[in-house]
């Protein structure tokens, strides 16, 4: 629970705050655990953004989250994050598409990878 001091509004995390936290989490030695932790932070950022009615995610938070999906092989989650990017008017770059495609490929979703490749060419 946020409390105010002397009537001031509490400080709230921003996209930069979440990006820094996600980056710090990537320093953990257990890569699978770091990926799960990064996605937990990403989800928390999304919940906070919905509660405050403004996004606390940016291109970098999306990149960290998609890299985590790649590490875990969570293709479906990567596709959800791509949709969230579009909903936040964030344009995907080659790295974002590559992480999403890798996550999907790890599950054998070749058709999805090919569709993402076509989207990348169209969006580029």
N, C-alpha and C. Protein backbone atom coordinates (compact mmCIF):
# COMPACT_ATOMS: atom_id res chain seq x y z
N UNK A 1 0.84 -1.18 0.00
CA UNK A 1 0.00 0.00 0.00
C UNK A 1 0.88 1.23 0.00
N UNK A 2 0.63 2.12 -0.93
CA UNK A 2 1.39 3.36 -1.01
C UNK A 2 0.88 4.35 0.02
N UNK A 3 1.79 4.94 0.76
CA UNK A 3 1.42 5.96 1.72
C UNK A 3 2.07 7.26 1.32
N UNK A 4 1.40 8.33 1.62
CA UNK A 4 1.96 9.63 1.31
C UNK A 4 2.69 10.18 2.52
N UNK A 5 3.65 11.03 2.26
CA UNK A 5 4.39 11.71 3.31
C UNK A 5 4.12 13.19 3.16
N UNK A 6 3.64 13.80 4.21
CA UNK A 6 3.36 15.24 4.20
C UNK A 6 2.42 15.63 3.06
N UNK A 7 1.48 14.76 2.76
CA UNK A 7 0.47 15.08 1.75
C UNK A 7 0.94 14.94 0.32
N UNK A 8 2.18 14.52 0.09
CA UNK A 8 2.67 14.36 -1.28
C UNK A 8 2.20 13.02 -1.84
N UNK A 9 2.11 12.96 -3.15
CA UNK A 9 1.75 11.72 -3.81
C UNK A 9 2.92 10.75 -3.74
N UNK A 10 2.64 9.46 -3.61
CA UNK A 10 3.74 8.48 -3.58
C UNK A 10 4.40 8.37 -4.95
N UNK A 11 5.65 7.99 -4.93
CA UNK A 11 6.34 7.73 -6.19
C UNK A 11 5.83 6.42 -6.76
N UNK A 12 5.58 6.41 -8.05
CA UNK A 12 5.11 5.20 -8.71
C UNK A 12 6.14 4.78 -9.75
N UNK A 13 6.30 3.47 -9.92
CA UNK A 13 7.25 3.01 -10.93
C UNK A 13 6.80 3.39 -12.34
N UNK A 14 7.78 3.56 -13.20
CA UNK A 14 7.53 3.89 -14.60
C UNK A 14 8.07 2.76 -15.47
N UNK A 15 7.95 2.91 -16.76
CA UNK A 15 8.52 1.93 -17.68
C UNK A 15 10.03 1.80 -17.46
N UNK A 16 10.67 2.91 -17.16
CA UNK A 16 12.12 2.87 -16.91
C UNK A 16 12.42 2.04 -15.67
N UNK A 17 11.63 2.22 -14.63
CA UNK A 17 11.81 1.45 -13.40
C UNK A 17 11.72 -0.04 -13.69
N UNK A 18 10.68 -0.43 -14.42
CA UNK A 18 10.50 -1.85 -14.72
C UNK A 18 11.59 -2.38 -15.64
N UNK A 19 12.03 -1.57 -16.58
CA UNK A 19 13.11 -1.99 -17.47
C UNK A 19 14.40 -2.24 -16.69
N UNK A 20 14.72 -1.34 -15.78
CA UNK A 20 15.93 -1.50 -14.97
C UNK A 20 15.82 -2.76 -14.12
N UNK A 21 14.67 -2.99 -13.53
CA UNK A 21 14.48 -4.19 -12.72
C UNK A 21 14.61 -5.46 -13.56
N UNK A 22 14.00 -5.45 -14.74
CA UNK A 22 14.07 -6.62 -15.61
C UNK A 22 15.52 -6.88 -16.04
N UNK A 23 16.24 -5.82 -16.32
CA UNK A 23 17.65 -5.95 -16.71
C UNK A 23 18.46 -6.54 -15.56
N UNK A 24 18.20 -6.08 -14.35
CA UNK A 24 18.91 -6.61 -13.18
C UNK A 24 18.62 -8.09 -12.99
N UNK A 25 17.39 -8.49 -13.25
CA UNK A 25 17.03 -9.90 -13.08
C UNK A 25 17.75 -10.81 -14.07
N UNK A 26 18.15 -10.27 -15.20
CA UNK A 26 18.86 -11.09 -16.19
C UNK A 26 20.27 -11.45 -15.75
N UNK A 27 20.71 -10.89 -14.64
CA UNK A 27 22.05 -11.19 -14.12
C UNK A 27 22.06 -12.44 -13.24
N UNK A 28 20.90 -13.01 -12.96
CA UNK A 28 20.84 -14.22 -12.15
C UNK A 28 21.52 -15.38 -12.88
N UNK A 29 22.15 -16.29 -12.15
CA UNK A 29 22.84 -17.40 -12.82
C UNK A 29 21.89 -18.42 -13.46
N UNK A 30 20.73 -18.64 -12.89
CA UNK A 30 19.77 -19.61 -13.42
C UNK A 30 18.92 -18.92 -14.49
N UNK A 31 19.22 -19.21 -15.74
CA UNK A 31 18.56 -18.51 -16.85
C UNK A 31 17.06 -18.76 -16.91
N UNK A 32 16.63 -19.94 -16.59
CA UNK A 32 15.19 -20.22 -16.62
C UNK A 32 14.48 -19.45 -15.50
N UNK A 33 15.11 -19.39 -14.33
CA UNK A 33 14.51 -18.64 -13.23
C UNK A 33 14.50 -17.15 -13.56
N UNK A 34 15.58 -16.66 -14.15
CA UNK A 34 15.60 -15.24 -14.50
C UNK A 34 14.49 -14.93 -15.50
N UNK A 35 14.25 -15.83 -16.43
CA UNK A 35 13.20 -15.61 -17.42
C UNK A 35 11.82 -15.58 -16.75
N UNK A 36 11.59 -16.50 -15.83
CA UNK A 36 10.30 -16.50 -15.11
C UNK A 36 10.14 -15.22 -14.29
N UNK A 37 11.22 -14.78 -13.66
CA UNK A 37 11.17 -13.55 -12.85
C UNK A 37 10.92 -12.33 -13.73
N UNK A 38 11.56 -12.28 -14.88
CA UNK A 38 11.35 -11.16 -15.81
C UNK A 38 9.88 -11.11 -16.24
N UNK A 39 9.31 -12.26 -16.55
CA UNK A 39 7.90 -12.27 -16.96
C UNK A 39 6.97 -11.90 -15.81
N UNK A 40 7.34 -12.25 -14.59
CA UNK A 40 6.53 -11.85 -13.43
C UNK A 40 6.56 -10.32 -13.28
N UNK A 41 7.71 -9.72 -13.48
CA UNK A 41 7.82 -8.26 -13.41
C UNK A 41 7.03 -7.62 -14.55
N UNK A 42 7.14 -8.20 -15.74
CA UNK A 42 6.37 -7.69 -16.89
C UNK A 42 4.87 -7.73 -16.59
N UNK A 43 4.41 -8.83 -16.02
CA UNK A 43 2.99 -8.95 -15.67
C UNK A 43 2.59 -7.92 -14.62
N UNK A 44 3.46 -7.68 -13.65
CA UNK A 44 3.18 -6.67 -12.63
C UNK A 44 3.09 -5.28 -13.26
N UNK A 45 3.96 -5.00 -14.20
CA UNK A 45 3.91 -3.71 -14.91
C UNK A 45 2.58 -3.56 -15.63
N UNK A 46 2.13 -4.63 -16.25
CA UNK A 46 0.84 -4.59 -16.95
C UNK A 46 -0.32 -4.34 -16.00
N UNK A 47 -0.30 -5.02 -14.85
CA UNK A 47 -1.37 -4.81 -13.86
C UNK A 47 -1.36 -3.37 -13.35
N UNK A 48 -0.18 -2.85 -13.06
CA UNK A 48 -0.08 -1.47 -12.58
C UNK A 48 -0.57 -0.49 -13.64
N UNK A 49 -0.17 -0.73 -14.88
CA UNK A 49 -0.60 0.15 -15.96
C UNK A 49 -2.11 0.17 -16.13
N UNK A 50 -2.74 -0.99 -16.00
CA UNK A 50 -4.21 -1.04 -16.10
C UNK A 50 -4.86 -0.31 -14.92
N UNK A 51 -4.27 -0.46 -13.75
CA UNK A 51 -4.83 0.20 -12.56
C UNK A 51 -4.69 1.72 -12.66
N UNK A 52 -3.56 2.18 -13.17
CA UNK A 52 -3.32 3.62 -13.27
C UNK A 52 -3.88 4.21 -14.55
N UNK A 53 -4.28 3.35 -15.47
CA UNK A 53 -4.82 3.75 -16.76
C UNK A 53 -3.79 4.48 -17.62
N UNK A 54 -2.54 4.07 -17.51
CA UNK A 54 -1.51 4.51 -18.44
C UNK A 54 -0.43 3.43 -18.49
N UNK A 55 0.21 3.27 -19.64
CA UNK A 55 1.17 2.18 -19.76
C UNK A 55 2.46 2.44 -18.97
N UNK A 56 2.93 1.41 -18.31
CA UNK A 56 4.24 1.46 -17.66
C UNK A 56 5.16 0.43 -18.30
N UNK A 57 4.92 0.23 -19.59
CA UNK A 57 5.77 -0.64 -20.40
C UNK A 57 6.25 0.17 -21.60
N UNK A 58 7.37 -0.24 -22.15
CA UNK A 58 7.88 0.41 -23.34
C UNK A 58 8.59 -0.64 -24.19
N UNK A 59 9.24 -0.20 -25.23
CA UNK A 59 9.92 -1.14 -26.14
C UNK A 59 10.89 -2.05 -25.39
N UNK A 60 11.60 -1.50 -24.43
CA UNK A 60 12.59 -2.30 -23.70
C UNK A 60 11.95 -3.35 -22.79
N UNK A 61 10.85 -3.00 -22.13
CA UNK A 61 10.19 -4.01 -21.30
C UNK A 61 9.66 -5.14 -22.17
N UNK A 62 9.14 -4.78 -23.34
CA UNK A 62 8.67 -5.82 -24.27
C UNK A 62 9.83 -6.71 -24.72
N UNK A 63 10.97 -6.09 -25.02
CA UNK A 63 12.13 -6.88 -25.46
C UNK A 63 12.58 -7.86 -24.38
N UNK A 64 12.65 -7.39 -23.15
CA UNK A 64 13.05 -8.29 -22.05
C UNK A 64 12.04 -9.43 -21.90
N UNK A 65 10.77 -9.11 -21.97
CA UNK A 65 9.74 -10.13 -21.81
C UNK A 65 9.80 -11.16 -22.95
N UNK A 66 10.01 -10.69 -24.17
CA UNK A 66 10.09 -11.62 -25.30
C UNK A 66 11.35 -12.47 -25.24
N UNK A 67 12.43 -11.91 -24.76
CA UNK A 67 13.65 -12.70 -24.59
C UNK A 67 13.40 -13.80 -23.55
N UNK A 68 12.67 -13.47 -22.51
CA UNK A 68 12.33 -14.46 -21.49
C UNK A 68 11.48 -15.58 -22.09
N UNK A 69 10.52 -15.21 -22.93
CA UNK A 69 9.70 -16.22 -23.61
C UNK A 69 10.57 -17.12 -24.47
N UNK A 70 11.54 -16.53 -25.15
CA UNK A 70 12.46 -17.30 -25.98
C UNK A 70 13.23 -18.30 -25.11
N UNK A 71 13.77 -17.84 -23.99
CA UNK A 71 14.54 -18.73 -23.11
C UNK A 71 13.69 -19.89 -22.60
N UNK A 72 12.42 -19.62 -22.33
CA UNK A 72 11.54 -20.64 -21.78
C UNK A 72 10.83 -21.46 -22.86
N UNK A 73 10.90 -21.00 -24.10
CA UNK A 73 10.19 -21.68 -25.17
C UNK A 73 8.69 -21.49 -25.10
N UNK A 74 8.26 -20.35 -24.59
CA UNK A 74 6.84 -20.06 -24.42
C UNK A 74 6.33 -19.26 -25.61
N UNK A 75 6.08 -19.96 -26.70
CA UNK A 75 5.64 -19.32 -27.93
C UNK A 75 4.30 -18.63 -27.80
N UNK A 76 3.35 -19.27 -27.14
CA UNK A 76 2.02 -18.66 -27.00
C UNK A 76 2.10 -17.35 -26.21
N UNK A 77 2.92 -17.36 -25.18
CA UNK A 77 3.09 -16.14 -24.37
C UNK A 77 3.76 -15.05 -25.20
N UNK A 78 4.72 -15.43 -26.02
CA UNK A 78 5.39 -14.46 -26.89
C UNK A 78 4.38 -13.81 -27.84
N UNK A 79 3.47 -14.60 -28.37
CA UNK A 79 2.45 -14.05 -29.27
C UNK A 79 1.52 -13.08 -28.54
N UNK A 80 1.20 -13.41 -27.29
CA UNK A 80 0.39 -12.50 -26.48
C UNK A 80 1.11 -11.16 -26.28
N UNK A 81 2.40 -11.24 -26.01
CA UNK A 81 3.17 -10.02 -25.78
C UNK A 81 3.26 -9.19 -27.06
N UNK A 82 3.40 -9.85 -28.20
CA UNK A 82 3.38 -9.11 -29.47
C UNK A 82 2.06 -8.36 -29.64
N UNK A 83 0.96 -9.00 -29.27
CA UNK A 83 -0.35 -8.34 -29.35
C UNK A 83 -0.40 -7.14 -28.40
N UNK A 84 0.15 -7.30 -27.20
CA UNK A 84 0.17 -6.20 -26.24
C UNK A 84 1.02 -5.05 -26.76
N UNK A 85 2.10 -5.37 -27.45
CA UNK A 85 2.92 -4.32 -28.06
C UNK A 85 2.10 -3.51 -29.04
N UNK A 86 1.40 -4.22 -29.90
CA UNK A 86 0.58 -3.54 -30.90
C UNK A 86 -0.49 -2.68 -30.24
N UNK A 87 -1.08 -3.19 -29.17
CA UNK A 87 -2.11 -2.44 -28.45
C UNK A 87 -1.53 -1.17 -27.83
N UNK A 88 -0.23 -1.19 -27.53
CA UNK A 88 0.44 -0.02 -26.96
C UNK A 88 1.17 0.81 -28.02
N UNK A 89 0.89 0.52 -29.29
CA UNK A 89 1.50 1.25 -30.42
C UNK A 89 3.02 1.22 -30.40
N UNK A 90 3.58 0.08 -30.00
CA UNK A 90 5.04 -0.09 -30.03
C UNK A 90 5.36 -0.93 -31.25
N UNK A 91 6.24 -0.42 -32.08
CA UNK A 91 6.62 -1.11 -33.32
C UNK A 91 7.68 -2.16 -33.01
N UNK A 92 7.46 -3.35 -33.54
CA UNK A 92 8.41 -4.45 -33.34
C UNK A 92 9.61 -4.27 -34.26
N UNK A 93 10.79 -4.58 -33.73
CA UNK A 93 12.00 -4.56 -34.55
C UNK A 93 12.46 -6.00 -34.80
N UNK A 94 13.58 -6.15 -35.45
CA UNK A 94 14.08 -7.48 -35.82
C UNK A 94 14.32 -8.34 -34.58
N UNK A 95 14.89 -7.77 -33.53
CA UNK A 95 15.16 -8.53 -32.31
C UNK A 95 13.88 -9.03 -31.66
N UNK A 96 12.87 -8.20 -31.64
CA UNK A 96 11.59 -8.60 -31.07
C UNK A 96 11.00 -9.76 -31.86
N UNK A 97 11.00 -9.63 -33.18
CA UNK A 97 10.48 -10.73 -34.00
C UNK A 97 11.32 -11.99 -33.83
N UNK A 98 12.64 -11.84 -33.76
CA UNK A 98 13.51 -13.01 -33.62
C UNK A 98 13.22 -13.76 -32.33
N UNK A 99 13.05 -13.03 -31.23
CA UNK A 99 12.75 -13.70 -29.96
C UNK A 99 11.40 -14.40 -30.01
N UNK A 100 10.41 -13.76 -30.60
CA UNK A 100 9.09 -14.39 -30.72
C UNK A 100 9.17 -15.63 -31.61
N UNK A 101 9.89 -15.52 -32.72
CA UNK A 101 10.02 -16.67 -33.62
C UNK A 101 10.76 -17.82 -32.96
N UNK A 102 11.82 -17.52 -32.22
CA UNK A 102 12.56 -18.57 -31.51
C UNK A 102 11.68 -19.28 -30.50
N UNK A 103 10.91 -18.50 -29.75
CA UNK A 103 10.02 -19.10 -28.75
C UNK A 103 9.02 -20.04 -29.41
N UNK A 104 8.47 -19.62 -30.53
CA UNK A 104 7.50 -20.46 -31.25
C UNK A 104 8.18 -21.68 -31.86
N UNK A 105 9.38 -21.50 -32.39
CA UNK A 105 10.09 -22.60 -33.03
C UNK A 105 10.43 -23.70 -32.02
N UNK A 106 10.70 -23.32 -30.79
CA UNK A 106 11.04 -24.32 -29.76
C UNK A 106 9.88 -25.25 -29.47
N UNK A 107 8.68 -24.83 -29.84
CA UNK A 107 7.49 -25.68 -29.66
C UNK A 107 7.07 -26.33 -30.98
N UNK A 108 7.88 -26.17 -32.01
CA UNK A 108 7.57 -26.78 -33.29
C UNK A 108 6.49 -26.07 -34.08
N UNK A 109 6.21 -24.83 -33.75
CA UNK A 109 5.17 -24.06 -34.45
C UNK A 109 5.75 -23.38 -35.69
N UNK A 110 6.10 -24.19 -36.66
CA UNK A 110 6.76 -23.70 -37.86
C UNK A 110 5.87 -22.73 -38.64
N UNK A 111 4.60 -23.04 -38.75
CA UNK A 111 3.68 -22.15 -39.48
C UNK A 111 3.60 -20.77 -38.82
N UNK A 112 3.61 -20.75 -37.51
CA UNK A 112 3.58 -19.47 -36.79
C UNK A 112 4.86 -18.70 -37.04
N UNK A 113 5.99 -19.39 -37.05
CA UNK A 113 7.27 -18.74 -37.33
C UNK A 113 7.24 -18.13 -38.73
N UNK A 114 6.72 -18.87 -39.69
CA UNK A 114 6.64 -18.36 -41.06
C UNK A 114 5.71 -17.16 -41.16
N UNK A 115 4.61 -17.21 -40.41
CA UNK A 115 3.67 -16.07 -40.39
C UNK A 115 4.35 -14.84 -39.80
N UNK A 116 5.10 -15.03 -38.71
CA UNK A 116 5.81 -13.91 -38.09
C UNK A 116 6.87 -13.34 -39.03
N UNK A 117 7.54 -14.21 -39.77
CA UNK A 117 8.53 -13.74 -40.74
C UNK A 117 7.85 -12.88 -41.80
N UNK A 118 6.70 -13.32 -42.27
CA UNK A 118 5.96 -12.53 -43.27
C UNK A 118 5.51 -11.19 -42.67
N UNK A 119 5.05 -11.21 -41.42
CA UNK A 119 4.66 -9.96 -40.75
C UNK A 119 5.84 -9.02 -40.62
N UNK A 120 6.99 -9.58 -40.26
CA UNK A 120 8.19 -8.76 -40.10
C UNK A 120 8.54 -8.07 -41.42
N UNK A 121 8.46 -8.81 -42.49
CA UNK A 121 8.77 -8.22 -43.80
C UNK A 121 7.77 -7.14 -44.17
N UNK A 122 6.51 -7.35 -43.82
CA UNK A 122 5.47 -6.37 -44.13
C UNK A 122 5.61 -5.12 -43.26
N UNK A 123 5.88 -5.34 -41.96
CA UNK A 123 5.99 -4.21 -41.03
C UNK A 123 7.25 -3.40 -41.24
N UNK A 124 8.31 -4.06 -41.74
CA UNK A 124 9.61 -3.42 -41.87
C UNK A 124 9.61 -2.36 -42.88
